[in-house]
Amino acid sequence: ILTIWAGGVLLPYAAHARFLSGVQASRPGYPDARINHAILLNPYNPLYRQTRAQIAWRRDLPLTPATVAAADLDLAQAQLLDPGNPETRTLRAQLHARACFEIVADAASVARAERFYREAIDLGIRDPRPHLGLGLFLLAQGRSAEGIELLREALELEPRYVAARLALCHALLDAGHRAGAEAGFKALEIALRDLTGYFPKNGYEEDLMKSDPRSLADLKDRLR
C-alpha cells in the first residue's frame, strides 16, 4: 500500500515541484535540468515535455536541425500522451514553420508545418489562432488566396481578433484590394475602441487582444 501511495501521490507531487522550480530557473533556449528530472519522476504528464520543447526553441538564436529534432520529439511524445490537445499541434506547426524560414523550406518541410496547423484547426474547433498561424505561413509561401481565406475564417470565429484583422488588411493591400483593406481597418478601429480598458481574463483573450504597434503604424501609412 505504501508503495502504491508513494508512486501515485508522492512522485507526481515531487515531479511537479521540480518542474515548477525548473521553469523558473530556465533561460530562453536552455531548459533547466530540473525539468528533465520532473520528466523522469512523472513521464506521463505531457505539459513537462511540451514546456521543455517551448523553452528549447523559443529563443532569439537561430534554430539548428538538432534543436528542431529534440523539440519535435518532446512535442510528439506530449501529443501521444494527450492526443486531443490542439496546442501541441500548434506548437509543432510553429516549430516547423520557423524551421522553413531558418533552415530549409523544401516541399516536405512546408507540407509538414501545414499539416500540423490543419490538425490543430480540426481539433481546436472555435480557436482562431491556428487559422492565423497557417494563414500567415501560407502568405509567406506566396499562397495569397489561401492565406487570406484563413485570416477571414479566424475573424469569423473572433471578429475582434486584432492580429488577424491587422494581417488581413496588409494581405488585402498586398493583393491590390484597397477597398477591402479600408473596410477592414474601420473594423479594426472599432475593435480597438471596444477593447480599450478591458483586461483579459486568460491567455486566450490576451492573444486575441495583442496589437503590434509597428504593424498598425505601417498599415495607417499604407492607407494614406
Protein backbone atom coordinates (compact mmCIF):
# COMPACT_ATOMS: atom_id res chain seq x y z
CA ILE A 1 0.00 0.00 0.00
CA LEU A 2 2.83 2.40 0.88
CA THR A 3 4.48 1.69 -2.46
CA ILE A 4 1.27 2.41 -4.37
CA TRP A 5 0.70 5.60 -2.37
CA ALA A 6 4.26 6.78 -2.99
CA GLY A 7 4.03 6.10 -6.71
CA GLY A 8 0.59 7.59 -7.11
CA VAL A 9 0.90 10.63 -4.85
CA LEU A 10 4.44 11.43 -3.77
CA LEU A 11 6.20 11.01 -7.13
CA PRO A 12 3.74 13.20 -9.12
CA TYR A 13 3.86 15.81 -6.36
CA ALA A 14 7.68 15.79 -6.29
CA ALA A 15 7.79 15.88 -10.10
CA HIS A 16 5.57 18.92 -10.27
CA ALA A 17 7.60 20.75 -7.64
CA ARG A 18 10.77 20.06 -9.67
CA PHE A 19 9.01 21.15 -12.84
CA LEU A 20 7.88 24.49 -11.41
CA SER A 21 11.30 25.30 -9.99
CA GLY A 22 12.90 24.25 -13.29
CA VAL A 23 10.66 26.54 -15.32
CA GLN A 24 11.58 29.48 -13.09
CA ALA A 25 15.29 28.72 -13.42
CA SER A 26 15.27 28.17 -17.19
CA ARG A 27 16.53 30.68 -19.73
CA PRO A 28 15.24 31.01 -23.32
CA GLY A 29 16.90 28.22 -25.23
CA TYR A 30 18.17 26.44 -22.14
CA PRO A 31 15.70 24.30 -20.16
CA ASP A 32 16.83 23.78 -16.57
CA ALA A 33 17.87 20.25 -15.60
CA ARG A 34 15.07 20.12 -13.02
CA ILE A 35 12.56 19.84 -15.87
CA ASN A 36 14.41 16.73 -17.07
CA HIS A 37 14.21 15.35 -13.54
CA ALA A 38 10.48 16.05 -13.41
CA ILE A 39 10.00 14.04 -16.61
CA LEU A 40 11.93 11.13 -15.10
CA LEU A 41 9.76 11.24 -11.98
CA ASN A 42 6.50 11.52 -13.93
CA PRO A 43 6.86 10.66 -17.63
CA TYR A 44 3.08 10.74 -18.16
CA ASN A 45 2.48 14.49 -17.83
CA PRO A 46 2.52 16.00 -21.36
CA LEU A 47 2.95 19.53 -20.01
CA TYR A 48 6.52 18.82 -18.92
CA ARG A 49 7.71 17.75 -22.38
CA GLN A 50 5.72 20.48 -24.08
CA THR A 51 7.26 23.13 -21.86
CA ARG A 52 10.79 21.79 -22.33
CA ALA A 53 10.31 21.98 -26.08
CA GLN A 54 9.00 25.55 -25.92
CA ILE A 55 11.92 26.72 -23.82
CA ALA A 56 14.39 24.98 -26.13
CA TRP A 57 13.28 26.57 -29.38
CA ARG A 58 11.63 29.86 -28.43
CA ARG A 59 14.73 31.98 -28.44
CA ASP A 60 16.46 34.73 -30.40
CA LEU A 61 19.27 32.44 -31.56
CA PRO A 62 18.78 30.75 -34.94
CA LEU A 63 17.30 27.28 -35.00
CA THR A 64 19.52 24.30 -35.68
CA PRO A 65 18.48 20.89 -37.01
CA ALA A 66 19.40 19.37 -33.62
CA THR A 67 17.17 21.84 -31.76
CA VAL A 68 14.26 21.15 -34.10
CA ALA A 69 14.68 17.39 -33.77
CA ALA A 70 14.83 17.47 -29.95
CA ALA A 71 11.89 19.87 -29.59
CA ASP A 72 9.77 17.94 -32.07
CA LEU A 73 10.48 14.67 -30.24
CA ASP A 74 9.27 16.21 -26.98
CA LEU A 75 6.15 17.59 -28.68
CA ALA A 76 5.44 14.29 -30.43
CA GLN A 77 5.61 12.47 -27.10
CA ALA A 78 3.36 15.09 -25.48
CA GLN A 79 0.94 14.59 -28.35
CA LEU A 80 0.85 10.84 -27.73
CA LEU A 81 0.09 11.48 -24.06
CA ASP A 82 -2.70 13.97 -24.85
CA PRO A 83 -3.85 13.37 -28.44
CA GLY A 84 -6.87 15.67 -28.18
CA ASN A 85 -4.90 18.79 -27.27
CA PRO A 86 -4.71 21.19 -30.25
CA GLU A 87 -1.99 23.29 -28.60
CA THR A 88 0.60 20.58 -29.14
CA ARG A 89 -0.16 20.53 -32.88
CA THR A 90 0.02 24.32 -32.99
CA LEU A 91 3.42 24.28 -31.30
CA ARG A 92 4.71 21.64 -33.73
CA ALA A 93 3.38 23.73 -36.61
CA GLN A 94 5.10 26.87 -35.30
CA LEU A 95 8.35 24.97 -34.80
CA HIS A 96 8.41 23.55 -38.33
CA ALA A 97 7.19 26.80 -39.90
CA ARG A 98 10.08 28.63 -38.27
CA ALA A 99 12.44 25.90 -39.47
CA CYS A 100 11.22 26.55 -43.02
CA PHE A 101 12.43 30.15 -42.75
CA GLU A 102 15.67 29.47 -40.89
CA ILE A 103 16.87 26.04 -42.08
CA VAL A 104 15.20 24.71 -45.22
CA ALA A 105 11.88 25.31 -46.96
CA ASP A 106 11.60 22.29 -49.23
CA ALA A 107 8.20 20.93 -50.18
CA ALA A 108 8.23 18.28 -47.44
CA SER A 109 9.06 20.81 -44.72
CA VAL A 110 6.32 23.21 -45.84
CA ALA A 111 3.81 20.35 -46.03
CA ARG A 112 4.77 19.19 -42.54
CA ALA A 113 4.16 22.61 -40.98
CA GLU A 114 0.89 23.00 -42.87
CA ARG A 115 -0.28 19.54 -41.77
CA PHE A 116 0.22 20.32 -38.10
CA TYR A 117 -1.61 23.64 -38.44
CA ARG A 118 -4.56 21.94 -40.12
CA GLU A 119 -4.66 19.23 -37.45
CA ALA A 120 -4.74 21.99 -34.80
CA ILE A 121 -7.58 23.70 -36.66
CA ASP A 122 -9.55 20.44 -36.77
CA LEU A 123 -9.03 19.85 -33.05
CA GLY A 124 -9.40 23.45 -31.90
CA ILE A 125 -12.93 23.84 -33.25
CA ARG A 126 -13.54 27.52 -32.35
CA ASP A 127 -9.96 28.63 -31.64
CA PRO A 128 -8.95 31.12 -34.36
CA ARG A 129 -5.23 31.18 -33.52
CA PRO A 130 -4.19 28.22 -35.71
CA HIS A 131 -6.09 29.84 -38.60
CA LEU A 132 -3.98 32.97 -38.18
CA GLY A 133 -0.75 30.98 -37.91
CA LEU A 134 -1.45 28.95 -41.04
CA GLY A 135 -2.75 32.00 -42.90
CA LEU A 136 0.46 33.93 -42.25
CA PHE A 137 2.55 30.90 -43.17
CA LEU A 138 0.77 30.40 -46.50
CA LEU A 139 1.03 34.11 -47.29
CA ALA A 140 4.78 33.85 -46.76
CA GLN A 141 4.82 30.90 -49.19
CA GLY A 142 3.14 33.05 -51.86
CA ARG A 143 -0.25 31.33 -51.49
CA SER A 144 -2.14 34.60 -51.12
CA ALA A 145 -5.70 33.47 -51.77
CA GLU A 146 -5.49 30.57 -49.31
CA GLY A 147 -3.83 32.74 -46.69
CA ILE A 148 -6.46 35.48 -46.97
CA GLU A 149 -9.26 32.93 -46.67
CA LEU A 150 -7.77 31.53 -43.47
CA LEU A 151 -7.49 35.03 -41.98
CA ARG A 152 -11.14 35.59 -42.80
CA GLU A 153 -12.04 32.29 -41.13
CA ALA A 154 -10.18 33.42 -38.00
CA LEU A 155 -12.22 36.62 -37.94
CA GLU A 156 -15.46 34.73 -38.44
CA LEU A 157 -14.63 32.90 -35.22
CA GLU A 158 -13.46 36.03 -33.36
CA PRO A 159 -14.37 39.31 -35.14
CA ARG A 160 -12.24 41.32 -32.68
CA TYR A 161 -9.09 39.27 -33.16
CA VAL A 162 -6.71 42.20 -33.52
CA ALA A 163 -3.70 40.41 -35.02
CA ALA A 164 -5.86 38.63 -37.60
CA ARG A 165 -7.55 41.88 -38.58
CA LEU A 166 -4.18 43.61 -39.00
CA ALA A 167 -2.79 40.73 -41.04
CA LEU A 168 -5.84 40.63 -43.29
CA CYS A 169 -5.64 44.36 -44.00
CA HIS A 170 -1.98 44.06 -45.02
CA ALA A 171 -2.68 40.95 -47.11
CA LEU A 172 -5.54 42.65 -48.94
CA LEU A 173 -3.36 45.66 -49.72
CA ASP A 174 -0.61 43.35 -50.99
CA ALA A 175 -3.19 41.67 -53.24
CA GLY A 176 -4.42 45.02 -54.58
CA HIS A 177 -7.76 45.06 -52.70
CA ARG A 178 -7.58 48.52 -51.17
CA ALA A 179 -11.32 48.85 -50.57
CA GLY A 180 -11.35 45.64 -48.56
CA ALA A 181 -8.35 46.80 -46.56
CA GLU A 182 -10.02 50.13 -45.81
CA ALA A 183 -13.17 48.39 -44.60
CA GLY A 184 -11.06 46.07 -42.51
CA PHE A 185 -9.21 49.00 -40.96
CA LYS A 186 -12.50 50.58 -39.90
CA ALA A 187 -13.49 47.29 -38.26
CA LEU A 188 -10.08 47.21 -36.57
CA GLU A 189 -10.55 50.70 -35.17
CA ILE A 190 -13.94 49.68 -33.75
CA ALA A 191 -12.42 46.57 -32.17
CA LEU A 192 -9.57 48.53 -30.61
CA ARG A 193 -12.00 51.09 -29.26
CA ASP A 194 -14.28 48.41 -27.82
CA LEU A 195 -11.32 46.69 -26.14
CA THR A 196 -9.96 49.86 -24.55
CA GLY A 197 -9.84 49.40 -20.78
CA TYR A 198 -10.68 45.70 -20.96
CA PHE A 199 -8.30 43.40 -19.10
CA PRO A 200 -8.00 39.85 -20.50
CA LYS A 201 -9.13 37.07 -18.19
CA ASN A 202 -6.80 34.41 -19.60
CA GLY A 203 -4.09 33.71 -22.15
CA TYR A 204 -6.61 33.14 -24.92
CA GLU A 205 -8.14 36.60 -24.52
CA GLU A 206 -4.68 38.11 -24.21
CA ASP A 207 -3.70 36.60 -27.57
CA LEU A 208 -6.85 37.98 -29.20
CA MET A 209 -6.14 41.49 -27.91
CA LYS A 210 -2.42 41.67 -28.77
CA SER A 211 -1.62 44.50 -31.15
CA ASP A 212 1.67 45.10 -32.96
CA PRO A 213 2.25 48.89 -32.85
CA ARG A 214 4.69 48.78 -35.77
CA SER A 215 2.30 46.81 -37.95
CA LEU A 216 -0.55 49.15 -37.04
CA ALA A 217 1.53 52.25 -37.81
CA ASP A 218 2.65 50.72 -41.10
CA LEU A 219 -0.97 49.96 -42.04
CA LYS A 220 -2.00 53.54 -41.38
CA ASP A 221 0.84 54.79 -43.60
CA ARG A 222 -0.13 52.40 -46.38
CA LEU A 223 -3.74 53.56 -46.30
CA ARG A 224 -2.97 57.29 -46.52
